[in-house]
C-alpha cells in the first residue's frame, strides 16, 4: 500500500460541490500516466489514455460527506445542513474544519447530558441538535464564515493493527485504487478514461454528466462497500469481509451488474491469483448506475473495497484488499476489450456513430 498517497487523499478536503482541493491532487497524481487530463463543466477530472479498442470509463468519486453552513447565530455558533448521508449519533464529540475565508477548527457541540430531560436522553439525536463552536467571538466568526461555506470532518489516517482507519475512505480509497491502477496498467487495447467524479454523495451527479460526455462502451465504478463482518452480524447481513480480497459487485439498490461483467472480473481475478469476493448489497448505490444508463447504454460493473464503519470518521479497511483491488482494476483494463470481441458482440454505437434504425425520428432541435 502506498501509505503516503492514501494519507494525502484522505486528508485533502472536498465535500460535494466543493471538490476544488482534492481535484488538484488527483490531476497532479494522474498527469504523468495518461495522455491528457481535462476538467468538465461540473468539475469531474477526466484523464485519457489512448487506445484503438473499446472505450472503458473508470469512475471513482472524489467527494466526501460533509456539511454546509446554513445559519450563524448571534453568538457565532454555526448551524448545518448535511451534504451526504449521516447517522447523527456518530457526530457527537467530533472535530470539524470550517472552510470559510480561512480554514477554522471547530467542534460539534450539543446540549450537555446533565441538563437534558429524560425524554431528550432517550431520544436519538438529530443533526439539528448539533452546532459548530469555533471558539471565536461572534463578530470574528461572521468576518470569516458565511452561509454556504462548507464543513468537513477532522481525523487523521492511522494504523489499526493490520488495518488502517480514518475519515473519508469513502471514497478516497476508490480514488487511490483508480490512480494506482492507471499507473499499473500494462499492455492494453482499449481507450481508458479514468474519471474522478463529483457529487456522488448527493445523487451520483458527476457520473451522470461524465458518462454522457465520455460515452463509454464499458464502465467500471470503483468505490467502497460494506464490510459488516462484525459481532452479531447475521450471515446474510455480512456483505463482505476485511482481508478477503477485492469485492466484485453483483447487485446493489441502484444497479444489477451484467453476468458478463461479473464473470470477466472473476476470470481475471482467478487467472492472476487476485483474492476476491462477490458483493451483493441490498441497500446503497454507486456510480455504476450512471455508467450503465449513459447514452444508449454501456456494459458496466464495479470493483469495491470492503470497509467497516462506513460514513463515520473511523472507516476501516485492510491494505491487502486495496492492493487486490488495484490489481483487479488494472487487469480488467488490460483485458476488457474481450467483452466486445467475437461472441461478445460489437460495442454499442456512440454519439459519433450512426444511430440504430428504430423508425422515423423527429428532427433534432439546434
Foldseek 3Di string as FASTA:
>chain_A
DPVVLLQVLQQFAAAFQRHVRSLVVLCVLQVVLADDWDADPSGKIKGKHDFQFFEEEEEAASHFKWWFFADADQFGKTATDTLFDDQVVLQPFFWKWWPWQHIAIWHWDADDPVPDDPVVVPDRDDSRRTIIDRVDGNVVSVVTDDTGTIMGTDWGWDDDPQKIWFGCVFPSLQSVLLSLLSVVADAARYIYMYIHFGSFRPPLVRLLVVCQVSVGQEYEYEGADEQQPDPPDDPVRRQHHFPQAKEWEQDEPQDHADPLSSVVLVCLCVVVVQRYYYGYYHYDDGSQNSNQPHDVGHRYTYIHFHWYPPPHGTIMHHVSRSVSSSSSVSSCRRPVSVCCPDPNHHGADDPVDDHDPPDDDDDDDD
